[in-house]
Amino acid sequence: MTSSNRYEAYEGAGELLRALSAPIRVAIVTELAQGERCVHELVEKLGAPQPLVSQHLRVLRGAGVVHGSRRGREIAYALVDEHIAHIVADAVSHAGEASS
């Protein structure tokens, strides 16, 4: 990997980590690791207002973390790939160990 390509990979990693920097986005990714969910399911599970969940889903979608597919009148969101679920699970696990 050339230094230019390596830097691009680091930039991409930084963008991904910025997209995951809000606790509610970590919670959304954790939920989506269990399978696709519609906004109302995430609202119910997270106990957060619908506009807030939708706003954070837009950020995650824009960062290429999640994608949506139409399910009748709703949009079901899912993780783009499983790696993201592992990154978040490891971060949550590490944070839990650090706070013990």
PDB file of N, CA and C in Angstrom:
ATOM      1  N   MET A   1       0.855  -1.179   0.000  1.00  0.00           N
ATOM      2  CA  MET A   1       0.000   0.000   0.000  1.00  0.00           C
ATOM      3  C   MET A   1       0.900   1.240   0.000  1.00  0.00           C
ATOM      4  N   THR A   2       0.681   2.116  -0.931  1.00  0.00           N
ATOM      5  CA  THR A   2       1.480   3.335  -0.988  1.00  0.00           C
ATOM      6  C   THR A   2       1.067   4.275   0.136  1.00  0.00           C
ATOM      7  N   SER A   3       1.952   5.230   0.435  1.00  0.00           N
ATOM      8  CA  SER A   3       1.629   6.169   1.515  1.00  0.00           C
ATOM      9  C   SER A   3       0.394   6.991   1.190  1.00  0.00           C
ATOM     10  N   SER A   4       0.169   7.268  -0.109  1.00  0.00           N
ATOM     11  CA  SER A   4      -1.033   8.004  -0.521  1.00  0.00           C
ATOM     12  C   SER A   4      -2.290   7.175  -0.254  1.00  0.00           C
ATOM     13  N   ASN A   5      -2.237   5.896  -0.615  1.00  0.00           N
ATOM     14  CA  ASN A   5      -3.387   5.011  -0.372  1.00  0.00           C
ATOM     15  C   ASN A   5      -3.613   4.810   1.123  1.00  0.00           C
ATOM     16  N   ARG A   6      -2.512   4.712   1.868  1.00  0.00           N
ATOM     17  CA  ARG A   6      -2.622   4.526   3.317  1.00  0.00           C
ATOM     18  C   ARG A   6      -3.301   5.743   3.939  1.00  0.00           C
ATOM     19  N   TYR A   7      -2.901   6.942   3.495  1.00  0.00           N
ATOM     20  CA  TYR A   7      -3.509   8.153   4.032  1.00  0.00           C
ATOM     21  C   TYR A   7      -5.001   8.196   3.705  1.00  0.00           C
ATOM     22  N   GLU A   8      -5.366   7.786   2.492  1.00  0.00           N
ATOM     23  CA  GLU A   8      -6.790   7.746   2.121  1.00  0.00           C
ATOM     24  C   GLU A   8      -7.549   6.776   3.018  1.00  0.00           C
ATOM     25  N   ALA A   9      -6.920   5.651   3.341  1.00  0.00           N
ATOM     26  CA  ALA A   9      -7.557   4.689   4.244  1.00  0.00           C
ATOM     27  C   ALA A   9      -7.720   5.296   5.632  1.00  0.00           C
ATOM     28  N   TYR A  10      -6.716   6.044   6.084  1.00  0.00           N
ATOM     29  CA  TYR A  10      -6.815   6.700   7.387  1.00  0.00           C
ATOM     30  C   TYR A  10      -7.914   7.754   7.379  1.00  0.00           C
ATOM     31  N   GLU A  11      -8.024   8.492   6.272  1.00  0.00           N
ATOM     32  CA  GLU A  11      -9.102   9.477   6.160  1.00  0.00           C
ATOM     33  C   GLU A  11     -10.458   8.801   6.244  1.00  0.00           C
ATOM     34  N   GLY A  12     -10.616   7.703   5.516  1.00  0.00           N
ATOM     35  CA  GLY A  12     -11.875   6.957   5.550  1.00  0.00           C
ATOM     36  C   GLY A  12     -12.190   6.446   6.936  1.00  0.00           C
ATOM     37  N   ALA A  13     -11.166   5.948   7.636  1.00  0.00           N
ATOM     38  CA  ALA A  13     -11.362   5.460   9.001  1.00  0.00           C
ATOM     39  C   ALA A  13     -11.774   6.606   9.920  1.00  0.00           C
ATOM     40  N   GLY A  14     -11.157   7.775   9.724  1.00  0.00           N
ATOM     41  CA  GLY A  14     -11.522   8.938  10.531  1.00  0.00           C
ATOM     42  C   GLY A  14     -12.962   9.354  10.307  1.00  0.00           C
ATOM     43  N   GLU A  15     -13.399   9.322   9.054  1.00  0.00           N
ATOM     44  CA  GLU A  15     -14.793   9.654   8.739  1.00  0.00           C
ATOM     45  C   GLU A  15     -15.751   8.659   9.381  1.00  0.00           C
ATOM     46  N   LEU A  16     -15.395   7.395   9.323  1.00  0.00           N
ATOM     47  CA  LEU A  16     -16.236   6.370   9.956  1.00  0.00           C
ATOM     48  C   LEU A  16     -16.323   6.618  11.460  1.00  0.00           C
ATOM     49  N   LEU A  17     -15.190   6.866  12.092  1.00  0.00           N
ATOM     50  CA  LEU A  17     -15.203   7.095  13.539  1.00  0.00           C
ATOM     51  C   LEU A  17     -15.968   8.363  13.911  1.00  0.00           C
ATOM     52  N   ARG A  18     -15.878   9.402  13.076  1.00  0.00           N
ATOM     53  CA  ARG A  18     -16.678  10.616  13.331  1.00  0.00           C
ATOM     54  C   ARG A  18     -18.175  10.295  13.247  1.00  0.00           C
ATOM     55  N   ALA A  19     -18.550   9.471  12.269  1.00  0.00           N
ATOM     56  CA  ALA A  19     -19.962   9.103  12.116  1.00  0.00           C
ATOM     57  C   ALA A  19     -20.451   8.317  13.325  1.00  0.00           C
ATOM     58  N   LEU A  20     -19.553   7.608  13.981  1.00  0.00           N
ATOM     59  CA  LEU A  20     -19.925   6.796  15.142  1.00  0.00           C
ATOM     60  C   LEU A  20     -19.702   7.515  16.459  1.00  0.00           C
ATOM     61  N   SER A  21     -19.377   8.810  16.408  1.00  0.00           N
ATOM     62  CA  SER A  21     -18.970   9.524  17.616  1.00  0.00           C
ATOM     63  C   SER A  21     -20.107   9.874  18.568  1.00  0.00           C
ATOM     64  N   ALA A  22     -21.340   9.810  18.145  1.00  0.00           N
ATOM     65  CA  ALA A  22     -22.471  10.134  19.031  1.00  0.00           C
ATOM     66  C   ALA A  22     -22.998   8.856  19.688  1.00  0.00           C
ATOM     67  N   PRO A  23     -23.211   8.880  20.999  1.00  0.00           N
ATOM     68  CA  PRO A  23     -23.695   7.683  21.686  1.00  0.00           C
ATOM     69  C   PRO A  23     -24.971   7.093  21.071  1.00  0.00           C
ATOM     70  N   ILE A  24     -25.882   7.937  20.614  1.00  0.00           N
ATOM     71  CA  ILE A  24     -27.118   7.394  20.035  1.00  0.00           C
ATOM     72  C   ILE A  24     -26.819   6.647  18.732  1.00  0.00           C
ATOM     73  N   ARG A  25     -25.808   7.078  17.995  1.00  0.00           N
ATOM     74  CA  ARG A  25     -25.448   6.364  16.764  1.00  0.00           C
ATOM     75  C   ARG A  25     -24.829   5.015  17.090  1.00  0.00           C
ATOM     76  N   VAL A  26     -24.054   4.965  18.176  1.00  0.00           N
ATOM     77  CA  VAL A  26     -23.511   3.684  18.639  1.00  0.00           C
ATOM     78  C   VAL A  26     -24.674   2.759  19.001  1.00  0.00           C
ATOM     79  N   ALA A  27     -25.677   3.294  19.681  1.00  0.00           N
ATOM     80  CA  ALA A  27     -26.846   2.495  20.057  1.00  0.00           C
ATOM     81  C   ALA A  27     -27.610   2.025  18.820  1.00  0.00           C
ATOM     82  N   ILE A  28     -27.755   2.884  17.830  1.00  0.00           N
ATOM     83  CA  ILE A  28     -28.450   2.506  16.593  1.00  0.00           C
ATOM     84  C   ILE A  28     -27.703   1.376  15.901  1.00  0.00           C
ATOM     85  N   VAL A  29     -26.381   1.517  15.776  1.00  0.00           N
ATOM     86  CA  VAL A  29     -25.587   0.468  15.131  1.00  0.00           C
ATOM     87  C   VAL A  29     -25.694  -0.838  15.914  1.00  0.00           C
ATOM     88  N   THR A  30     -25.679  -0.756  17.237  1.00  0.00           N
ATOM     89  CA  THR A  30     -25.816  -1.955  18.069  1.00  0.00           C
ATOM     90  C   THR A  30     -27.157  -2.642  17.798  1.00  0.00           C
ATOM     91  N   GLU A  31     -28.216  -1.863  17.688  1.00  0.00           N
ATOM     92  CA  GLU A  31     -29.532  -2.431  17.371  1.00  0.00           C
ATOM     93  C   GLU A  31     -29.550  -3.049  15.979  1.00  0.00           C
ATOM     94  N   LEU A  32     -28.977  -2.345  15.015  1.00  0.00           N
ATOM     95  CA  LEU A  32     -28.990  -2.842  13.638  1.00  0.00           C
ATOM     96  C   LEU A  32     -28.093  -4.066  13.465  1.00  0.00           C
ATOM     97  N   ALA A  33     -27.156  -4.278  14.384  1.00  0.00           N
ATOM     98  CA  ALA A  33     -26.327  -5.485  14.343  1.00  0.00           C
ATOM     99  C   ALA A  33     -27.185  -6.732  14.560  1.00  0.00           C
ATOM    100  N   GLN A  34     -28.349  -6.547  15.195  1.00  0.00           N
ATOM    101  CA  GLN A  34     -29.273  -7.663  15.438  1.00  0.00           C
ATOM    102  C   GLN A  34     -30.169  -7.945  14.227  1.00  0.00           C
ATOM    103  N   GLY A  35     -30.188  -7.019  13.273  1.00  0.00           N
ATOM    104  CA  GLY A  35     -31.021  -7.168  12.081  1.00  0.00           C
ATOM    105  C   GLY A  35     -31.637  -5.834  11.706  1.00  0.00           C
ATOM    106  N   GLU A  36     -32.267  -5.810  10.525  1.00  0.00           N
ATOM    107  CA  GLU A  36     -32.825  -4.542  10.058  1.00  0.00           C
ATOM    108  C   GLU A  36     -33.981  -4.088  10.932  1.00  0.00           C
ATOM    109  N   ARG A  37     -34.122  -2.776  11.030  1.00  0.00           N
ATOM    110  CA  ARG A  37     -35.162  -2.157  11.859  1.00  0.00           C
ATOM    111  C   ARG A  37     -35.718  -0.939  11.141  1.00  0.00           C
ATOM    112  N   CYS A  38     -36.993  -0.679  11.367  1.00  0.00           N
ATOM    113  CA  CYS A  38     -37.626   0.553  10.903  1.00  0.00           C
ATOM    114  C   CYS A  38     -37.431   1.616  11.977  1.00  0.00           C
ATOM    115  N   VAL A  39     -37.638   2.858  11.601  1.00  0.00           N
ATOM    116  CA  VAL A  39     -37.430   3.965  12.533  1.00  0.00           C
ATOM    117  C   VAL A  39     -38.263   3.772  13.797  1.00  0.00           C
ATOM    118  N   HIS A  40     -39.536   3.408  13.646  1.00  0.00           N
ATOM    119  CA  HIS A  40     -40.391   3.281  14.835  1.00  0.00           C
ATOM    120  C   HIS A  40     -39.884   2.194  15.779  1.00  0.00           C
ATOM    121  N   GLU A  41     -39.250   1.150  15.238  1.00  0.00           N
ATOM    122  CA  GLU A  41     -38.684   0.101  16.094  1.00  0.00           C
ATOM    123  C   GLU A  41     -37.474   0.625  16.861  1.00  0.00           C
ATOM    124  N   LEU A  42     -36.660   1.423  16.199  1.00  0.00           N
ATOM    125  CA  LEU A  42     -35.506   2.018  16.872  1.00  0.00           C
ATOM    126  C   LEU A  42     -35.951   3.012  17.936  1.00  0.00           C
ATOM    127  N   VAL A  43     -36.970   3.807  17.631  1.00  0.00           N
ATOM    128  CA  VAL A  43     -37.515   4.770  18.592  1.00  0.00           C
ATOM    129  C   VAL A  43     -37.981   4.038  19.848  1.00  0.00           C
ATOM    130  N   GLU A  44     -38.725   2.965  19.646  1.00  0.00           N
ATOM    131  CA  GLU A  44     -39.250   2.181  20.773  1.00  0.00           C
ATOM    132  C   GLU A  44     -38.114   1.566  21.586  1.00  0.00           C
ATOM    133  N   LYS A  45     -37.149   0.978  20.913  1.00  0.00           N
ATOM    134  CA  LYS A  45     -36.054   0.284  21.594  1.00  0.00           C
ATOM    135  C   LYS A  45     -35.122   1.254  22.325  1.00  0.00           C
ATOM    136  N   LEU A  46     -34.840   2.404  21.700  1.00  0.00           N
ATOM    137  CA  LEU A  46     -33.883   3.343  22.272  1.00  0.00           C
ATOM    138  C   LEU A  46     -34.529   4.363  23.213  1.00  0.00           C
ATOM    139  N   GLY A  47     -35.845   4.520  23.120  1.00  0.00           N
ATOM    140  CA  GLY A  47     -36.533   5.510  23.955  1.00  0.00           C
ATOM    141  C   GLY A  47     -36.170   6.939  23.577  1.00  0.00           C
ATOM    142  N   ALA A  48     -35.825   7.138  22.311  1.00  0.00           N
ATOM    143  CA  ALA A  48     -35.451   8.469  21.819  1.00  0.00           C
ATOM    144  C   ALA A  48     -36.549   8.994  20.904  1.00  0.00           C
ATOM    145  N   PRO A  49     -36.698  10.307  20.797  1.00  0.00           N
ATOM    146  CA  PRO A  49     -37.730  10.867  19.921  1.00  0.00           C
ATOM    147  C   PRO A  49     -37.454  10.524  18.452  1.00  0.00           C
ATOM    148  N   GLN A  50     -38.511  10.331  17.697  1.00  0.00           N
ATOM    149  CA  GLN A  50     -38.405   9.940  16.289  1.00  0.00           C
ATOM    150  C   GLN A  50     -37.575  10.916  15.464  1.00  0.00           C
ATOM    151  N   PRO A  51     -37.756  12.244  15.612  1.00  0.00           N
ATOM    152  CA  PRO A  51     -36.936  13.157  14.806  1.00  0.00           C
ATOM    153  C   PRO A  51     -35.436  12.990  15.083  1.00  0.00           C
ATOM    154  N   LEU A  52     -35.085  12.726  16.340  1.00  0.00           N
ATOM    155  CA  LEU A  52     -33.682  12.544  16.699  1.00  0.00           C
ATOM    156  C   LEU A  52     -33.112  11.273  16.063  1.00  0.00           C
ATOM    157  N   VAL A  53     -33.864  10.192  16.131  1.00  0.00           N
ATOM    158  CA  VAL A  53     -33.425   8.927  15.530  1.00  0.00           C
ATOM    159  C   VAL A  53     -33.267   9.098  14.021  1.00  0.00           C
ATOM    160  N   SER A  54     -34.236   9.744  13.387  1.00  0.00           N
ATOM    161  CA  SER A  54     -34.169   9.963  11.941  1.00  0.00           C
ATOM    162  C   SER A  54     -32.956  10.811  11.562  1.00  0.00           C
ATOM    163  N   GLN A  55     -32.676  11.835  12.354  1.00  0.00           N
ATOM    164  CA  GLN A  55     -31.530  12.707  12.089  1.00  0.00           C
ATOM    165  C   GLN A  55     -30.231  11.904  12.154  1.00  0.00           C
ATOM    166  N   HIS A  56     -30.090  11.067  13.144  1.00  0.00           N
ATOM    167  CA  HIS A  56     -28.864  10.280  13.282  1.00  0.00           C
ATOM    168  C   HIS A  56     -28.774   9.178  12.223  1.00  0.00           C
ATOM    169  N   LEU A  57     -29.896   8.640  11.806  1.00  0.00           N
ATOM    170  CA  LEU A  57     -29.878   7.677  10.700  1.00  0.00           C
ATOM    171  C   LEU A  57     -29.394   8.340   9.415  1.00  0.00           C
ATOM    172  N   ARG A  58     -29.783   9.606   9.203  1.00  0.00           N
ATOM    173  CA  ARG A  58     -29.307  10.347   8.022  1.00  0.00           C
ATOM    174  C   ARG A  58     -27.788  10.481   8.045  1.00  0.00           C
ATOM    175  N   VAL A  59     -27.233  10.780   9.214  1.00  0.00           N
ATOM    176  CA  VAL A  59     -25.774  10.899   9.340  1.00  0.00           C
ATOM    177  C   VAL A  59     -25.115   9.551   9.026  1.00  0.00           C
ATOM    178  N   LEU A  60     -25.651   8.487   9.602  1.00  0.00           N
ATOM    179  CA  LEU A  60     -25.091   7.152   9.369  1.00  0.00           C
ATOM    180  C   LEU A  60     -25.225   6.739   7.909  1.00  0.00           C
ATOM    181  N   ARG A  61     -26.330   7.076   7.304  1.00  0.00           N
ATOM    182  CA  ARG A  61     -26.539   6.764   5.876  1.00  0.00           C
ATOM    183  C   ARG A  61     -25.556   7.552   5.017  1.00  0.00           C
ATOM    184  N   GLY A  62     -25.386   8.824   5.335  1.00  0.00           N
ATOM    185  CA  GLY A  62     -24.457   9.668   4.595  1.00  0.00           C
ATOM    186  C   GLY A  62     -23.016   9.195   4.696  1.00  0.00           C
ATOM    187  N   ALA A  63     -22.677   8.569   5.817  1.00  0.00           N
ATOM    188  CA  ALA A  63     -21.323   8.063   6.032  1.00  0.00           C
ATOM    189  C   ALA A  63     -21.143   6.660   5.462  1.00  0.00           C
ATOM    190  N   GLY A  64     -22.214   6.101   4.892  1.00  0.00           N
ATOM    191  CA  GLY A  64     -22.113   4.765   4.318  1.00  0.00           C
ATOM    192  C   GLY A  64     -22.127   3.654   5.348  1.00  0.00           C
ATOM    193  N   VAL A  65     -22.637   3.945   6.547  1.00  0.00           N
ATOM    194  CA  VAL A  65     -22.701   2.942   7.613  1.00  0.00           C
ATOM    195  C   VAL A  65     -23.966   2.104   7.497  1.00  0.00           C
ATOM    196  N   VAL A  66     -25.083   2.749   7.148  1.00  0.00           N
ATOM    197  CA  VAL A  66     -26.362   2.045   7.006  1.00  0.00           C
ATOM    198  C   VAL A  66     -26.963   2.336   5.633  1.00  0.00           C
ATOM    199  N   HIS A  67     -27.880   1.486   5.250  1.00  0.00           N
ATOM    200  CA  HIS A  67     -28.663   1.739   4.037  1.00  0.00           C
ATOM    201  C   HIS A  67     -30.114   1.397   4.356  1.00  0.00           C
ATOM    202  N   GLY A  68     -31.010   1.995   3.605  1.00  0.00           N
ATOM    203  CA  GLY A  68     -32.429   1.758   3.826  1.00  0.00           C
ATOM    204  C   GLY A  68     -33.057   1.096   2.619  1.00  0.00           C
ATOM    205  N   SER A  69     -34.042   0.259   2.892  1.00  0.00           N
ATOM    206  CA  SER A  69     -34.820  -0.349   1.805  1.00  0.00           C
ATOM    207  C   SER A  69     -36.293  -0.275   2.182  1.00  0.00           C
ATOM    208  N   ARG A  70     -37.096  -0.015   1.193  1.00  0.00           N
ATOM    209  CA  ARG A  70     -38.525   0.176   1.425  1.00  0.00           C
ATOM    210  C   ARG A  70     -39.158  -1.131   1.872  1.00  0.00           C
ATOM    211  N   ARG A  71     -39.967  -1.028   2.930  1.00  0.00           N
ATOM    212  CA  ARG A  71     -40.738  -2.155   3.458  1.00  0.00           C
ATOM    213  C   ARG A  71     -42.167  -1.648   3.581  1.00  0.00           C
ATOM    214  N   GLY A  72     -42.933  -1.764   2.500  1.00  0.00           N
ATOM    215  CA  GLY A  72     -44.280  -1.192   2.483  1.00  0.00           C
ATOM    216  C   GLY A  72     -44.176   0.319   2.534  1.00  0.00           C
ATOM    217  N   ARG A  73     -44.818   0.921   3.540  1.00  0.00           N
ATOM    218  CA  ARG A  73     -44.767   2.379   3.686  1.00  0.00           C
ATOM    219  C   ARG A  73     -43.574   2.851   4.504  1.00  0.00           C
ATOM    220  N   GLU A  74     -42.820   1.910   5.042  1.00  0.00           N
ATOM    221  CA  GLU A  74     -41.688   2.265   5.907  1.00  0.00           C
ATOM    222  C   GLU A  74     -40.363   1.957   5.219  1.00  0.00           C
ATOM    223  N   ILE A  75     -39.299   2.464   5.800  1.00  0.00           N
ATOM    224  CA  ILE A  75     -37.954   2.140   5.335  1.00  0.00           C
ATOM    225  C   ILE A  75     -37.274   1.335   6.430  1.00  0.00           C
ATOM    226  N   ALA A  76     -36.761   0.177   6.046  1.00  0.00           N
ATOM    227  CA  ALA A  76     -36.026  -0.667   6.982  1.00  0.00           C
ATOM    228  C   ALA A  76     -34.545  -0.368   6.814  1.00  0.00           C
ATOM    229  N   TYR A  77     -33.883  -0.094   7.912  1.00  0.00           N
ATOM    230  CA  TYR A  77     -32.458   0.225   7.892  1.00  0.00           C
ATOM    231  C   TYR A  77     -31.651  -0.995   8.302  1.00  0.00           C
ATOM    232  N   ALA A  78     -30.483  -1.136   7.675  1.00  0.00           N
ATOM    233  CA  ALA A  78     -29.574  -2.230   7.987  1.00  0.00           C
ATOM    234  C   ALA A  78     -28.146  -1.721   7.868  1.00  0.00           C
ATOM    235  N   LEU A  79     -27.234  -2.413   8.512  1.00  0.00           N
ATOM    236  CA  LEU A  79     -25.819  -2.066   8.395  1.00  0.00           C
ATOM    237  C   LEU A  79     -25.323  -2.427   7.004  1.00  0.00           C
ATOM    238  N   VAL A  80     -24.429  -1.616   6.474  1.00  0.00           N
ATOM    239  CA  VAL A  80     -23.863  -1.874   5.158  1.00  0.00           C
ATOM    240  C   VAL A  80     -23.009  -3.135   5.192  1.00  0.00           C
ATOM    241  N   ASP A  81     -22.222  -3.295   6.255  1.00  0.00           N
ATOM    242  CA  ASP A  81     -21.469  -4.539   6.402  1.00  0.00           C
ATOM    243  C   ASP A  81     -21.239  -4.856   7.875  1.00  0.00           C
ATOM    244  N   GLU A  82     -20.880  -6.091   8.112  1.00  0.00           N
ATOM    245  CA  GLU A  82     -20.753  -6.611   9.474  1.00  0.00           C
ATOM    246  C   GLU A  82     -19.556  -6.026  10.225  1.00  0.00           C
ATOM    247  N   HIS A  83     -18.551  -5.541   9.506  1.00  0.00           N
ATOM    248  CA  HIS A  83     -17.364  -4.986  10.166  1.00  0.00           C
ATOM    249  C   HIS A  83     -17.730  -3.864  11.128  1.00  0.00           C
ATOM    250  N   ILE A  84     -18.689  -3.067  10.740  1.00  0.00           N
ATOM    251  CA  ILE A  84     -19.081  -1.919  11.567  1.00  0.00           C
ATOM    252  C   ILE A  84     -19.650  -2.393  12.895  1.00  0.00           C
ATOM    253  N   ALA A  85     -20.436  -3.455  12.857  1.00  0.00           N
ATOM    254  CA  ALA A  85     -20.988  -4.012  14.091  1.00  0.00           C
ATOM    255  C   ALA A  85     -19.865  -4.475  15.018  1.00  0.00           C
ATOM    256  N   HIS A  86     -18.823  -5.072  14.457  1.00  0.00           N
ATOM    257  CA  HIS A  86     -17.693  -5.539  15.271  1.00  0.00           C
ATOM    258  C   HIS A  86     -16.924  -4.372  15.874  1.00  0.00           C
ATOM    259  N   ILE A  87     -16.713  -3.319  15.087  1.00  0.00           N
ATOM    260  CA  ILE A  87     -16.005  -2.135  15.585  1.00  0.00           C
ATOM    261  C   ILE A  87     -16.758  -1.549  16.782  1.00  0.00           C
ATOM    262  N   VAL A  88     -18.069  -1.408  16.636  1.00  0.00           N
ATOM    263  CA  VAL A  88     -18.878  -0.821  17.707  1.00  0.00           C
ATOM    264  C   VAL A  88     -18.917  -1.748  18.920  1.00  0.00           C
ATOM    265  N   ALA A  89     -19.101  -3.045  18.710  1.00  0.00           N
ATOM    266  CA  ALA A  89     -19.144  -3.989  19.825  1.00  0.00           C
ATOM    267  C   ALA A  89     -17.816  -3.973  20.590  1.00  0.00           C
ATOM    268  N   ASP A  90     -16.707  -3.928  19.864  1.00  0.00           N
ATOM    269  CA  ASP A  90     -15.397  -3.872  20.524  1.00  0.00           C
ATOM    270  C   ASP A  90     -15.230  -2.576  21.315  1.00  0.00           C
ATOM    271  N   ALA A  91     -15.676  -1.456  20.736  1.00  0.00           N
ATOM    272  CA  ALA A  91     -15.567  -0.167  21.434  1.00  0.00           C
ATOM    273  C   ALA A  91     -16.406  -0.161  22.707  1.00  0.00           C
ATOM    274  N   VAL A  92     -17.624  -0.698  22.627  1.00  0.00           N
ATOM    275  CA  VAL A  92     -18.504  -0.746  23.809  1.00  0.00           C
ATOM    276  C   VAL A  92     -17.896  -1.659  24.866  1.00  0.00           C
ATOM    277  N   SER A  93     -17.364  -2.800  24.439  1.00  0.00           N
ATOM    278  CA  SER A  93     -16.730  -3.729  25.370  1.00  0.00           C
ATOM    279  C   SER A  93     -15.526  -3.084  26.033  1.00  0.00           C
ATOM    280  N   HIS A  94     -14.706  -2.405  25.258  1.00  0.00           N
ATOM    281  CA  HIS A  94     -13.523  -1.737  25.807  1.00  0.00           C
ATOM    282  C   HIS A  94     -13.922  -0.650  26.805  1.00  0.00           C
ATOM    283  N   ALA A  95     -14.944   0.130  26.473  1.00  0.00           N
ATOM    284  CA  ALA A  95     -15.403   1.192  27.365  1.00  0.00           C
ATOM    285  C   ALA A  95     -15.919   0.600  28.674  1.00  0.00           C
ATOM    286  N   GLY A  96     -16.590  -0.545  28.577  1.00  0.00           N
ATOM    287  CA  GLY A  96     -17.077  -1.213  29.787  1.00  0.00           C
ATOM    288  C   GLY A  96     -15.947  -1.701  30.663  1.00  0.00           C
ATOM    289  N   GLU A  97     -14.878  -2.221  30.046  1.00  0.00           N
ATOM    290  CA  GLU A  97     -13.711  -2.686  30.805  1.00  0.00           C
ATOM    291  C   GLU A  97     -12.979  -1.525  31.455  1.00  0.00           C
ATOM    292  N   ALA A  98     -12.872  -0.419  30.711  1.00  0.00           N
ATOM    293  CA  ALA A  98     -12.147   0.749  31.209  1.00  0.00           C
ATOM    294  C   ALA A  98     -12.858   1.385  32.403  1.00  0.00           C
ATOM    295  N   SER A  99     -14.198   1.265  32.431  1.00  0.00           N
ATOM    296  CA  SER A  99     -14.944   1.906  33.513  1.00  0.00           C
ATOM    297  C   SER A  99     -15.108   1.000  34.731  1.00  0.00           C
ATOM    298  N   SER A 100     -14.648  -0.220  34.620  1.00  0.00           N
ATOM    299  CA  SER A 100     -14.770  -1.170  35.759  1.00  0.00           C
ATOM    300  C   SER A 100     -13.721  -0.927  36.809  1.00  0.00           C
TER     301      SER A 100
END
